[in-house]
PDB file of N, CA and C in Angstrom:
ATOM      1  N   UNK A   1       0.826 -18.775 -28.374  1.00  0.00           N
ATOM      2  CA  UNK A   1      -0.482 -18.698 -27.837  1.00  0.00           C
ATOM      3  C   UNK A   1      -0.336 -17.451 -26.843  1.00  0.00           C
ATOM      4  N   UNK A   2      -1.585 -16.633 -26.885  1.00  0.00           N
ATOM      5  CA  UNK A   2      -1.767 -15.409 -26.244  1.00  0.00           C
ATOM      6  C   UNK A   2      -1.556 -15.556 -24.502  1.00  0.00           C
ATOM      7  N   UNK A   3      -2.105 -16.648 -24.273  1.00  0.00           N
ATOM      8  CA  UNK A   3      -2.027 -16.984 -22.778  1.00  0.00           C
ATOM      9  C   UNK A   3      -0.604 -17.076 -22.321  1.00  0.00           C
ATOM     10  N   UNK A   4       0.125 -17.696 -23.023  1.00  0.00           N
ATOM     11  CA  UNK A   4       1.576 -17.862 -22.678  1.00  0.00           C
ATOM     12  C   UNK A   4       2.270 -16.482 -22.845  1.00  0.00           C
ATOM     13  N   UNK A   5       2.131 -15.818 -23.757  1.00  0.00           N
ATOM     14  CA  UNK A   5       2.605 -14.422 -23.927  1.00  0.00           C
ATOM     15  C   UNK A   5       2.257 -13.717 -22.574  1.00  0.00           C
ATOM     16  N   UNK A   6       1.254 -13.662 -22.258  1.00  0.00           N
ATOM     17  CA  UNK A   6       0.672 -12.847 -20.907  1.00  0.00           C
ATOM     18  C   UNK A   6       1.212 -13.461 -19.717  1.00  0.00           C
ATOM     19  N   UNK A   7       1.139 -14.905 -19.557  1.00  0.00           N
ATOM     20  CA  UNK A   7       1.961 -15.572 -18.427  1.00  0.00           C
ATOM     21  C   UNK A   7       3.318 -15.109 -18.259  1.00  0.00           C
ATOM     22  N   UNK A   8       4.128 -15.048 -19.487  1.00  0.00           N
ATOM     23  CA  UNK A   8       5.555 -14.895 -19.371  1.00  0.00           C
ATOM     24  C   UNK A   8       5.873 -13.202 -19.234  1.00  0.00           C
ATOM     25  N   UNK A   9       5.093 -12.436 -19.556  1.00  0.00           N
ATOM     26  CA  UNK A   9       5.204 -11.159 -19.273  1.00  0.00           C
ATOM     27  C   UNK A   9       4.908 -10.752 -17.804  1.00  0.00           C
ATOM     28  N   UNK A  10       4.262 -11.322 -17.183  1.00  0.00           N
ATOM     29  CA  UNK A  10       3.760 -11.033 -15.794  1.00  0.00           C
ATOM     30  C   UNK A  10       5.084 -11.403 -14.869  1.00  0.00           C
ATOM     31  N   UNK A  11       5.411 -10.404 -14.039  1.00  0.00           N
ATOM     32  CA  UNK A  11       6.560 -10.679 -13.123  1.00  0.00           C
ATOM     33  C   UNK A  11       6.124 -11.147 -11.729  1.00  0.00           C
ATOM     34  N   UNK A  12       7.145 -11.545 -11.013  1.00  0.00           N
ATOM     35  CA  UNK A  12       6.765 -12.081  -9.491  1.00  0.00           C
ATOM     36  C   UNK A  12       7.186 -10.686  -8.644  1.00  0.00           C
ATOM     37  N   UNK A  13       6.076 -10.556  -7.660  1.00  0.00           N
ATOM     38  CA  UNK A  13       6.172  -9.357  -6.749  1.00  0.00           C
ATOM     39  C   UNK A  13       5.802  -8.181  -7.293  1.00  0.00           C
ATOM     40  N   UNK A  14       5.025  -7.306  -6.479  1.00  0.00           N
ATOM     41  CA  UNK A  14       4.350  -6.208  -7.020  1.00  0.00           C
ATOM     42  C   UNK A  14       5.296  -5.194  -7.679  1.00  0.00           C
ATOM     43  N   UNK A  15       6.601  -5.198  -6.969  1.00  0.00           N
ATOM     44  CA  UNK A  15       7.572  -4.239  -7.887  1.00  0.00           C
ATOM     45  C   UNK A  15       7.739  -4.538  -9.327  1.00  0.00           C
ATOM     46  N   UNK A  16       7.538  -5.828  -9.620  1.00  0.00           N
ATOM     47  CA  UNK A  16       7.541  -6.298 -10.985  1.00  0.00           C
ATOM     48  C   UNK A  16       6.236  -6.246 -11.828  1.00  0.00           C
ATOM     49  N   UNK A  17       5.086  -5.554 -11.318  1.00  0.00           N
ATOM     50  CA  UNK A  17       3.886  -5.616 -11.809  1.00  0.00           C
ATOM     51  C   UNK A  17       3.942  -5.036 -13.369  1.00  0.00           C
ATOM     52  N   UNK A  18       3.347  -5.574 -14.180  1.00  0.00           N
ATOM     53  CA  UNK A  18       3.104  -5.278 -15.578  1.00  0.00           C
ATOM     54  C   UNK A  18       1.772  -4.698 -15.854  1.00  0.00           C
ATOM     55  N   UNK A  19       1.755  -3.456 -16.469  1.00  0.00           N
ATOM     56  CA  UNK A  19       0.433  -2.768 -16.716  1.00  0.00           C
ATOM     57  C   UNK A  19      -0.395  -3.467 -17.811  1.00  0.00           C
ATOM     58  N   UNK A  20      -1.721  -3.085 -17.695  1.00  0.00           N
ATOM     59  CA  UNK A  20      -2.488  -3.665 -18.698  1.00  0.00           C
ATOM     60  C   UNK A  20      -2.048  -3.053 -20.120  1.00  0.00           C
ATOM     61  N   UNK A  21      -1.720  -1.889 -20.207  1.00  0.00           N
ATOM     62  CA  UNK A  21      -1.302  -1.213 -21.272  1.00  0.00           C
ATOM     63  C   UNK A  21      -0.073  -1.913 -22.040  1.00  0.00           C
ATOM     64  N   UNK A  22       0.923  -2.212 -21.211  1.00  0.00           N
ATOM     65  CA  UNK A  22       1.952  -2.980 -21.603  1.00  0.00           C
ATOM     66  C   UNK A  22       1.663  -4.367 -22.192  1.00  0.00           C
ATOM     67  N   UNK A  23       0.681  -5.113 -21.573  1.00  0.00           N
ATOM     68  CA  UNK A  23       0.088  -6.430 -22.053  1.00  0.00           C
ATOM     69  C   UNK A  23      -0.594  -6.205 -23.405  1.00  0.00           C
ATOM     70  N   UNK A  24      -1.338  -5.066 -23.615  1.00  0.00           N
ATOM     71  CA  UNK A  24      -2.047  -4.641 -24.638  1.00  0.00           C
ATOM     72  C   UNK A  24      -1.171  -4.480 -25.749  1.00  0.00           C
ATOM     73  N   UNK A  25      -0.055  -3.966 -25.527  1.00  0.00           N
ATOM     74  CA  UNK A  25       1.044  -3.737 -26.802  1.00  0.00           C
ATOM     75  C   UNK A  25       1.677  -4.928 -26.956  1.00  0.00           C
ATOM     76  N   UNK A  26       1.921  -5.607 -26.042  1.00  0.00           N
ATOM     77  CA  UNK A  26       2.677  -7.067 -26.308  1.00  0.00           C
ATOM     78  C   UNK A  26       1.759  -8.031 -27.126  1.00  0.00           C
ATOM     79  N   UNK A  27       0.554  -8.127 -26.811  1.00  0.00           N
ATOM     80  CA  UNK A  27      -0.228  -9.032 -27.219  1.00  0.00           C
ATOM     81  C   UNK A  27      -1.224  -8.664 -28.706  1.00  0.00           C
ATOM     82  N   UNK A  28      -1.323  -7.166 -28.568  1.00  0.00           N
ATOM     83  CA  UNK A  28      -2.191  -6.737 -29.713  1.00  0.00           C
ATOM     84  C   UNK A  28      -3.613  -6.704 -29.362  1.00  0.00           C
ATOM     85  N   UNK A  29      -3.910  -7.039 -28.167  1.00  0.00           N
ATOM     86  CA  UNK A  29      -5.152  -7.366 -27.607  1.00  0.00           C
ATOM     87  C   UNK A  29      -5.850  -5.933 -27.181  1.00  0.00           C
ATOM     88  N   UNK A  30      -7.163  -5.741 -27.081  1.00  0.00           N
ATOM     89  CA  UNK A  30      -7.783  -4.565 -26.428  1.00  0.00           C
ATOM     90  C   UNK A  30      -7.568  -4.648 -24.989  1.00  0.00           C
ATOM     91  N   UNK A  31      -7.782  -3.644 -24.211  1.00  0.00           N
ATOM     92  CA  UNK A  31      -7.812  -3.822 -22.657  1.00  0.00           C
ATOM     93  C   UNK A  31      -8.741  -4.762 -22.240  1.00  0.00           C
ATOM     94  N   UNK A  32      -9.992  -4.776 -22.779  1.00  0.00           N
ATOM     95  CA  UNK A  32     -10.879  -5.554 -22.352  1.00  0.00           C
ATOM     96  C   UNK A  32     -10.563  -6.998 -22.598  1.00  0.00           C
ATOM     97  N   UNK A  33     -10.027  -7.375 -23.698  1.00  0.00           N
ATOM     98  CA  UNK A  33      -9.635  -8.718 -24.036  1.00  0.00           C
ATOM     99  C   UNK A  33      -8.399  -9.271 -23.146  1.00  0.00           C
ATOM    100  N   UNK A  34      -7.489  -8.351 -22.894  1.00  0.00           N
ATOM    101  CA  UNK A  34      -6.455  -8.687 -22.147  1.00  0.00           C
ATOM    102  C   UNK A  34      -7.196  -9.134 -20.517  1.00  0.00           C
ATOM    103  N   UNK A  35      -8.022  -8.314 -19.985  1.00  0.00           N
ATOM    104  CA  UNK A  35      -8.569  -8.657 -18.792  1.00  0.00           C
ATOM    105  C   UNK A  35      -9.411  -9.961 -18.693  1.00  0.00           C
ATOM    106  N   UNK A  36      -9.960 -10.204 -19.898  1.00  0.00           N
ATOM    107  CA  UNK A  36     -10.585 -11.461 -20.003  1.00  0.00           C
ATOM    108  C   UNK A  36      -9.696 -12.707 -20.085  1.00  0.00           C
ATOM    109  N   UNK A  37      -8.459 -12.689 -20.652  1.00  0.00           N
ATOM    110  CA  UNK A  37      -7.458 -13.467 -20.690  1.00  0.00           C
ATOM    111  C   UNK A  37      -6.926 -13.638 -19.266  1.00  0.00           C
ATOM    112  N   UNK A  38      -6.648 -12.606 -18.570  1.00  0.00           N
ATOM    113  CA  UNK A  38      -6.349 -12.769 -17.080  1.00  0.00           C
ATOM    114  C   UNK A  38      -7.384 -13.429 -16.181  1.00  0.00           C
ATOM    115  N   UNK A  39      -8.711 -13.124 -16.422  1.00  0.00           N
ATOM    116  CA  UNK A  39      -9.867 -13.794 -15.784  1.00  0.00           C
ATOM    117  C   UNK A  39      -9.616 -15.185 -16.114  1.00  0.00           C
ATOM    118  N   UNK A  40      -9.614 -15.495 -17.169  1.00  0.00           N
ATOM    119  CA  UNK A  40      -9.622 -17.017 -17.668  1.00  0.00           C
ATOM    120  C   UNK A  40      -8.475 -17.599 -17.180  1.00  0.00           C
ATOM    121  N   UNK A  41      -7.205 -17.088 -16.920  1.00  0.00           N
ATOM    122  CA  UNK A  41      -6.086 -17.813 -16.483  1.00  0.00           C
ATOM    123  C   UNK A  41      -6.328 -17.921 -14.946  1.00  0.00           C
ATOM    124  N   UNK A  42      -6.939 -17.045 -14.256  1.00  0.00           N
ATOM    125  CA  UNK A  42      -7.253 -17.002 -13.039  1.00  0.00           C
ATOM    126  C   UNK A  42      -8.115 -18.290 -12.645  1.00  0.00           C
ATOM    127  N   UNK A  43      -9.320 -18.250 -13.368  1.00  0.00           N
ATOM    128  CA  UNK A  43     -10.216 -19.210 -13.281  1.00  0.00           C
ATOM    129  C   UNK A  43      -9.518 -20.769 -13.661  1.00  0.00           C
ATOM    130  N   UNK A  44      -8.503 -20.878 -14.316  1.00  0.00           N
ATOM    131  CA  UNK A  44      -7.943 -22.140 -14.535  1.00  0.00           C
ATOM    132  C   UNK A  44      -6.872 -22.502 -13.436  1.00  0.00           C
ATOM    133  N   UNK A  45      -6.609 -21.467 -12.553  1.00  0.00           N
ATOM    134  CA  UNK A  45      -5.946 -21.856 -11.338  1.00  0.00           C
ATOM    135  C   UNK A  45      -4.557 -21.129 -11.318  1.00  0.00           C
ATOM    136  N   UNK A  46      -4.216 -20.305 -12.222  1.00  0.00           N
ATOM    137  CA  UNK A  46      -3.158 -19.291 -12.003  1.00  0.00           C
ATOM    138  C   UNK A  46      -3.437 -18.173 -11.087  1.00  0.00           C
ATOM    139  N   UNK A  47      -2.531 -18.067 -10.105  1.00  0.00           N
ATOM    140  CA  UNK A  47      -2.718 -16.865  -9.116  1.00  0.00           C
ATOM    141  C   UNK A  47      -2.051 -15.737  -9.780  1.00  0.00           C
ATOM    142  N   UNK A  48      -2.942 -14.699 -10.207  1.00  0.00           N
ATOM    143  CA  UNK A  48      -2.335 -13.397 -10.651  1.00  0.00           C
ATOM    144  C   UNK A  48      -2.910 -12.328  -9.869  1.00  0.00           C
ATOM    145  N   UNK A  49      -2.153 -11.760  -9.156  1.00  0.00           N
ATOM    146  CA  UNK A  49      -2.608 -10.441  -8.384  1.00  0.00           C
ATOM    147  C   UNK A  49      -2.676  -9.349  -8.956  1.00  0.00           C
ATOM    148  N   UNK A  50      -3.295  -8.269  -8.706  1.00  0.00           N
ATOM    149  CA  UNK A  50      -3.358  -6.974  -9.363  1.00  0.00           C
ATOM    150  C   UNK A  50      -3.423  -6.041  -8.352  1.00  0.00           C
ATOM    151  N   UNK A  51      -2.799  -4.655  -8.783  1.00  0.00           N
ATOM    152  CA  UNK A  51      -2.875  -3.515  -7.809  1.00  0.00           C
ATOM    153  C   UNK A  51      -2.787  -2.304  -8.890  1.00  0.00           C
ATOM    154  N   UNK A  52      -2.650  -1.299  -8.310  1.00  0.00           N
ATOM    155  CA  UNK A  52      -2.746  -0.104  -9.143  1.00  0.00           C
ATOM    156  C   UNK A  52      -1.421  -0.077 -10.082  1.00  0.00           C
ATOM    157  N   UNK A  53      -0.357  -0.784  -9.715  1.00  0.00           N
ATOM    158  CA  UNK A  53       0.758  -0.888 -10.593  1.00  0.00           C
ATOM    159  C   UNK A  53       0.685  -1.914 -11.684  1.00  0.00           C
ATOM    160  N   UNK A  54      -0.438  -2.725 -11.646  1.00  0.00           N
ATOM    161  CA  UNK A  54      -0.632  -3.857 -12.643  1.00  0.00           C
ATOM    162  C   UNK A  54      -0.759  -5.092 -12.315  1.00  0.00           C
ATOM    163  N   UNK A  55      -0.258  -6.092 -13.117  1.00  0.00           N
ATOM    164  CA  UNK A  55      -0.595  -7.596 -12.709  1.00  0.00           C
ATOM    165  C   UNK A  55       0.657  -8.101 -12.261  1.00  0.00           C
ATOM    166  N   UNK A  56       0.863  -9.075 -11.462  1.00  0.00           N
ATOM    167  CA  UNK A  56       1.908  -9.575 -10.905  1.00  0.00           C
ATOM    168  C   UNK A  56       1.630 -10.972 -10.165  1.00  0.00           C
ATOM    169  N   UNK A  57       2.692 -11.954 -10.086  1.00  0.00           N
ATOM    170  CA  UNK A  57       2.511 -13.091  -9.290  1.00  0.00           C
ATOM    171  C   UNK A  57       2.860 -12.711  -7.895  1.00  0.00           C
ATOM    172  N   UNK A  58       2.069 -13.337  -6.994  1.00  0.00           N
ATOM    173  CA  UNK A  58       2.416 -12.900  -5.485  1.00  0.00           C
ATOM    174  C   UNK A  58       3.883 -13.749  -5.268  1.00  0.00           C
ATOM    175  N   UNK A  59       4.712 -12.740  -4.659  1.00  0.00           N
ATOM    176  CA  UNK A  59       5.998 -13.194  -3.934  1.00  0.00           C
ATOM    177  C   UNK A  59       6.001 -13.377  -2.678  1.00  0.00           C
ATOM    178  N   UNK A  60       5.140 -12.607  -1.940  1.00  0.00           N
ATOM    179  CA  UNK A  60       5.109 -12.485  -0.395  1.00  0.00           C
ATOM    180  C   UNK A  60       3.602 -12.553   0.069  1.00  0.00           C
ATOM    181  N   UNK A  61       3.645 -12.993   1.420  1.00  0.00           N
ATOM    182  CA  UNK A  61       2.257 -13.116   1.956  1.00  0.00           C
ATOM    183  C   UNK A  61       1.496 -12.009   1.947  1.00  0.00           C
ATOM    184  N   UNK A  62       1.883 -10.653   2.165  1.00  0.00           N
ATOM    185  CA  UNK A  62       1.238  -9.515   2.354  1.00  0.00           C
ATOM    186  C   UNK A  62       0.740  -9.189   0.962  1.00  0.00           C
ATOM    187  N   UNK A  63       1.202  -9.552  -0.215  1.00  0.00           N
ATOM    188  CA  UNK A  63       0.906  -9.125  -1.482  1.00  0.00           C
ATOM    189  C   UNK A  63      -0.546 -10.021  -1.838  1.00  0.00           C
ATOM    190  N   UNK A  64      -0.464 -11.296  -1.447  1.00  0.00           N
ATOM    191  CA  UNK A  64      -1.380 -12.249  -1.723  1.00  0.00           C
ATOM    192  C   UNK A  64      -2.598 -11.825  -0.712  1.00  0.00           C
ATOM    193  N   UNK A  65      -2.388 -11.492   0.453  1.00  0.00           N
ATOM    194  CA  UNK A  65      -3.321 -11.031   1.607  1.00  0.00           C
ATOM    195  C   UNK A  65      -4.056  -9.838   0.775  1.00  0.00           C
ATOM    196  N   UNK A  66      -3.289  -8.820   0.528  1.00  0.00           N
ATOM    197  CA  UNK A  66      -3.864  -7.612  -0.008  1.00  0.00           C
ATOM    198  C   UNK A  66      -4.774  -7.772  -1.281  1.00  0.00           C
ATOM    199  N   UNK A  67      -4.513  -8.732  -2.095  1.00  0.00           N
ATOM    200  CA  UNK A  67      -5.179  -9.083  -3.245  1.00  0.00           C
ATOM    201  C   UNK A  67      -6.635  -9.805  -2.805  1.00  0.00           C
ATOM    202  N   UNK A  68      -6.501 -10.606  -1.966  1.00  0.00           N
ATOM    203  CA  UNK A  68      -7.574 -11.426  -1.378  1.00  0.00           C
ATOM    204  C   UNK A  68      -8.554 -10.303  -0.773  1.00  0.00           C
ATOM    205  N   UNK A  69      -8.113  -9.534  -0.003  1.00  0.00           N
ATOM    206  CA  UNK A  69      -8.874  -8.474   0.677  1.00  0.00           C
ATOM    207  C   UNK A  69      -9.598  -7.680  -0.201  1.00  0.00           C
ATOM    208  N   UNK A  70      -8.808  -7.044  -1.351  1.00  0.00           N
ATOM    209  CA  UNK A  70      -9.538  -6.208  -2.339  1.00  0.00           C
ATOM    210  C   UNK A  70     -10.528  -7.022  -3.071  1.00  0.00           C
ATOM    211  N   UNK A  71     -10.287  -8.157  -3.414  1.00  0.00           N
ATOM    212  CA  UNK A  71     -11.254  -9.010  -4.244  1.00  0.00           C
ATOM    213  C   UNK A  71     -12.655  -9.213  -3.398  1.00  0.00           C
ATOM    214  N   UNK A  72     -12.353  -9.656  -2.008  1.00  0.00           N
ATOM    215  CA  UNK A  72     -13.493  -9.774  -1.276  1.00  0.00           C
ATOM    216  C   UNK A  72     -14.377  -8.591  -1.069  1.00  0.00           C
ATOM    217  N   UNK A  73     -13.749  -7.332  -1.025  1.00  0.00           N
ATOM    218  CA  UNK A  73     -14.330  -6.023  -0.800  1.00  0.00           C
ATOM    219  C   UNK A  73     -15.218  -5.770  -2.075  1.00  0.00           C
ATOM    220  N   UNK A  74     -14.602  -6.212  -3.249  1.00  0.00           N
ATOM    221  CA  UNK A  74     -15.605  -6.091  -4.597  1.00  0.00           C
ATOM    222  C   UNK A  74     -16.779  -6.927  -4.458  1.00  0.00           C
ATOM    223  N   UNK A  75     -16.415  -8.147  -4.112  1.00  0.00           N
ATOM    224  CA  UNK A  75     -17.450  -9.187  -4.214  1.00  0.00           C
ATOM    225  C   UNK A  75     -18.569  -8.806  -3.096  1.00  0.00           C
ATOM    226  N   UNK A  76     -18.163  -8.213  -1.904  1.00  0.00           N
ATOM    227  CA  UNK A  76     -19.071  -7.804  -0.996  1.00  0.00           C
ATOM    228  C   UNK A  76     -20.035  -6.656  -1.435  1.00  0.00           C
ATOM    229  N   UNK A  77     -19.500  -5.820  -2.286  1.00  0.00           N
ATOM    230  CA  UNK A  77     -20.033  -4.536  -2.729  1.00  0.00           C
ATOM    231  C   UNK A  77     -20.899  -4.884  -3.887  1.00  0.00           C
ATOM    232  N   UNK A  78     -20.687  -5.825  -4.675  1.00  0.00           N
ATOM    233  CA  UNK A  78     -21.559  -6.454  -5.714  1.00  0.00           C
ATOM    234  C   UNK A  78     -22.709  -7.074  -5.127  1.00  0.00           C
ATOM    235  N   UNK A  79     -22.504  -7.759  -4.062  1.00  0.00           N
ATOM    236  CA  UNK A  79     -23.559  -8.448  -3.406  1.00  0.00           C
ATOM    237  C   UNK A  79     -24.688  -7.486  -2.796  1.00  0.00           C
ATOM    238  N   UNK A  80     -23.990  -6.377  -2.245  1.00  0.00           N
ATOM    239  CA  UNK A  80     -24.949  -5.210  -1.499  1.00  0.00           C
ATOM    240  C   UNK A  80     -25.550  -4.663  -2.747  1.00  0.00           C
ATOM    241  N   UNK A  81     -25.022  -4.335  -3.708  1.00  0.00           N
ATOM    242  CA  UNK A  81     -25.706  -3.837  -5.001  1.00  0.00           C
ATOM    243  C   UNK A  81     -26.909  -4.531  -5.578  1.00  0.00           C
ATOM    244  N   UNK A  82     -26.805  -5.977  -5.621  1.00  0.00           N
ATOM    245  CA  UNK A  82     -27.813  -6.686  -6.035  1.00  0.00           C
ATOM    246  C   UNK A  82     -28.847  -7.020  -5.193  1.00  0.00           C
ATOM    247  N   UNK A  83     -28.848  -6.657  -3.796  1.00  0.00           N
ATOM    248  CA  UNK A  83     -30.017  -6.845  -2.913  1.00  0.00           C
ATOM    249  C   UNK A  83     -31.121  -6.307  -3.379  1.00  0.00           C
ATOM    250  N   UNK A  84     -31.087  -4.882  -3.716  1.00  0.00           N
ATOM    251  CA  UNK A  84     -32.309  -4.257  -3.983  1.00  0.00           C
ATOM    252  C   UNK A  84     -33.016  -4.866  -5.459  1.00  0.00           C
ATOM    253  N   UNK A  85     -32.198  -5.222  -6.326  1.00  0.00           N
ATOM    254  CA  UNK A  85     -32.724  -5.678  -7.455  1.00  0.00           C
ATOM    255  C   UNK A  85     -33.437  -7.115  -7.233  1.00  0.00           C
ATOM    256  N   UNK A  86     -32.689  -7.793  -6.327  1.00  0.00           N
ATOM    257  CA  UNK A  86     -33.227  -9.111  -5.969  1.00  0.00           C
ATOM    258  C   UNK A  86     -34.681  -8.871  -5.326  1.00  0.00           C
ATOM    259  N   UNK A  87     -34.742  -7.940  -4.396  1.00  0.00           N
ATOM    260  CA  UNK A  87     -35.979  -7.866  -3.592  1.00  0.00           C
ATOM    261  C   UNK A  87     -37.037  -7.270  -4.693  1.00  0.00           C
ATOM    262  N   UNK A  88     -36.720  -6.623  -5.521  1.00  0.00           N
ATOM    263  CA  UNK A  88     -37.891  -6.096  -6.669  1.00  0.00           C
ATOM    264  C   UNK A  88     -38.191  -7.250  -7.463  1.00  0.00           C
ATOM    265  N   UNK A  89     -37.258  -7.911  -7.813  1.00  0.00           N
ATOM    266  CA  UNK A  89     -37.648  -9.237  -8.700  1.00  0.00           C
ATOM    267  C   UNK A  89     -38.505 -10.121  -7.907  1.00  0.00           C
ATOM    268  N   UNK A  90     -38.160 -10.356  -6.795  1.00  0.00           N
ATOM    269  CA  UNK A  90     -39.123 -11.233  -5.792  1.00  0.00           C
ATOM    270  C   UNK A  90     -40.487 -10.638  -5.830  1.00  0.00           C
ATOM    271  N   UNK A  91     -40.514  -9.424  -5.523  1.00  0.00           N
ATOM    272  CA  UNK A  91     -41.905  -8.601  -5.435  1.00  0.00           C
ATOM    273  C   UNK A  91     -42.576  -8.867  -6.858  1.00  0.00           C
ATOM    274  N   UNK A  92     -42.126  -8.332  -7.881  1.00  0.00           N
ATOM    275  CA  UNK A  92     -42.676  -8.634  -9.196  1.00  0.00           C
ATOM    276  C   UNK A  92     -42.999 -10.009  -9.559  1.00  0.00           C
ATOM    277  N   UNK A  93     -41.983 -11.002  -9.145  1.00  0.00           N
ATOM    278  CA  UNK A  93     -42.407 -12.288  -9.297  1.00  0.00           C
ATOM    279  C   UNK A  93     -43.852 -12.829  -8.604  1.00  0.00           C
ATOM    280  N   UNK A  94     -43.665 -12.306  -7.198  1.00  0.00           N
ATOM    281  CA  UNK A  94     -44.916 -12.804  -6.394  1.00  0.00           C
ATOM    282  C   UNK A  94     -46.170 -12.112  -7.004  1.00  0.00           C
ATOM    283  N   UNK A  95     -46.079 -10.914  -7.433  1.00  0.00           N
ATOM    284  CA  UNK A  95     -47.237 -10.415  -8.126  1.00  0.00           C
ATOM    285  C   UNK A  95     -47.884 -11.010  -9.588  1.00  0.00           C
ATOM    286  N   UNK A  96     -46.908 -11.540 -10.262  1.00  0.00           N
ATOM    287  CA  UNK A  96     -47.090 -12.239 -11.342  1.00  0.00           C
ATOM    288  C   UNK A  96     -47.608 -13.581 -11.272  1.00  0.00           C
ATOM    289  N   UNK A  97     -47.473 -14.134 -10.284  1.00  0.00           N
ATOM    290  CA  UNK A  97     -47.684 -15.576  -9.889  1.00  0.00           C
ATOM    291  C   UNK A  97     -49.125 -15.691  -9.138  1.00  0.00           C
ATOM    292  N   UNK A  98     -49.746 -14.484  -8.856  1.00  0.00           N
ATOM    293  CA  UNK A  98     -51.078 -14.475  -8.164  1.00  0.00           C
ATOM    294  C   UNK A  98     -52.174 -14.913  -8.980  1.00  0.00           C
TER     295      UNK A  98
END
Protein backbone atom coordinates (compact mmCIF):
# COMPACT_ATOMS: atom_id res chain seq x y z
CA UNK A 1 0.00 0.00 0.00
CA UNK A 2 1.23 3.49 -0.89
CA UNK A 3 0.54 4.87 2.59
CA UNK A 4 2.77 2.25 4.16
CA UNK A 5 5.56 2.97 1.67
CA UNK A 6 5.40 6.65 2.53
CA UNK A 7 5.19 6.06 6.29
CA UNK A 8 8.15 3.67 6.19
CA UNK A 9 10.27 6.04 4.09
CA UNK A 10 9.91 8.96 6.49
CA UNK A 11 12.60 9.16 9.12
CA UNK A 12 12.59 10.47 12.68
CA UNK A 13 14.14 13.86 13.32
CA UNK A 14 14.61 16.70 10.86
CA UNK A 15 18.11 15.51 10.01
CA UNK A 16 16.49 12.38 8.53
CA UNK A 17 13.83 14.24 6.55
CA UNK A 18 12.88 12.77 3.19
CA UNK A 19 12.14 15.04 0.26
CA UNK A 20 8.96 15.00 -1.74
CA UNK A 21 11.08 14.13 -4.79
CA UNK A 22 12.37 11.01 -3.05
CA UNK A 23 8.82 10.00 -2.13
CA UNK A 24 7.74 10.56 -5.73
CA UNK A 25 10.50 8.26 -6.97
CA UNK A 26 9.73 5.63 -4.33
CA UNK A 27 5.98 5.55 -4.94
CA UNK A 28 5.70 6.54 -8.59
CA UNK A 29 3.22 9.24 -7.57
CA UNK A 30 3.22 12.86 -8.66
CA UNK A 31 4.23 15.58 -6.20
CA UNK A 32 0.59 16.56 -5.82
CA UNK A 33 -0.44 12.98 -5.03
CA UNK A 34 2.38 12.53 -2.51
CA UNK A 35 1.25 15.69 -0.74
CA UNK A 36 -2.35 14.45 -0.73
CA UNK A 37 -1.23 11.18 0.87
CA UNK A 38 0.75 13.08 3.52
CA UNK A 39 -2.30 15.25 4.23
CA UNK A 40 -4.51 12.18 4.51
CA UNK A 41 -2.07 10.47 6.89
CA UNK A 42 -1.96 13.62 9.01
CA UNK A 43 -5.74 13.80 9.15
CA UNK A 44 -5.83 10.17 10.26
CA UNK A 45 -3.61 11.07 13.21
CA UNK A 46 -0.04 10.49 12.04
CA UNK A 47 2.12 13.43 13.04
CA UNK A 48 4.35 14.19 10.07
CA UNK A 49 6.34 17.39 10.26
CA UNK A 50 7.79 19.20 7.29
CA UNK A 51 10.50 21.74 6.68
CA UNK A 52 12.61 22.88 3.77
CA UNK A 53 14.48 19.56 4.16
CA UNK A 54 11.37 17.43 3.64
CA UNK A 55 9.04 15.28 5.71
CA UNK A 56 9.95 13.72 9.06
CA UNK A 57 8.51 12.42 12.29
CA UNK A 58 9.22 14.76 15.20
CA UNK A 59 11.92 13.48 17.50
CA UNK A 60 12.42 16.58 19.65
CA UNK A 61 10.11 19.16 21.15
CA UNK A 62 11.54 22.05 19.13
CA UNK A 63 10.85 20.20 15.85
CA UNK A 64 7.21 19.78 16.73
CA UNK A 65 6.94 23.36 18.02
CA UNK A 66 8.44 24.72 14.81
CA UNK A 67 6.04 22.73 12.66
CA UNK A 68 3.03 23.85 14.71
CA UNK A 69 4.16 27.49 14.51
CA UNK A 70 4.59 27.34 10.72
CA UNK A 71 1.19 25.71 10.21
CA UNK A 72 -0.53 28.25 12.48
CA UNK A 73 1.07 31.11 10.50
CA UNK A 74 -0.23 29.56 7.28
CA UNK A 75 -3.71 29.19 8.75
CA UNK A 76 -3.67 32.82 9.93
CA UNK A 77 -2.51 34.00 6.52
CA UNK A 78 -5.28 32.08 4.74
CA UNK A 79 -7.84 33.45 7.18
CA UNK A 80 -6.70 37.02 6.51
CA UNK A 81 -6.81 36.42 2.76
CA UNK A 82 -10.43 35.27 2.97
CA UNK A 83 -11.67 38.28 4.95
CA UNK A 84 -12.08 40.51 1.87
CA UNK A 85 -13.81 37.77 -0.12
CA UNK A 86 -16.19 37.08 2.75
CA UNK A 87 -16.99 40.78 3.11
CA UNK A 88 -17.78 41.02 -0.61
CA UNK A 89 -19.91 37.87 -0.39
CA UNK A 90 -21.89 39.34 2.51
CA UNK A 91 -22.39 42.59 0.58
CA UNK A 92 -23.57 40.79 -2.58
CA UNK A 93 -25.77 38.44 -0.58
CA UNK A 94 -27.39 41.37 1.21
CA UNK A 95 -28.06 43.16 -2.09
CA UNK A 96 -29.52 40.02 -3.63
CA UNK A 97 -31.90 39.47 -0.71
CA UNK A 98 -33.44 42.94 -0.88
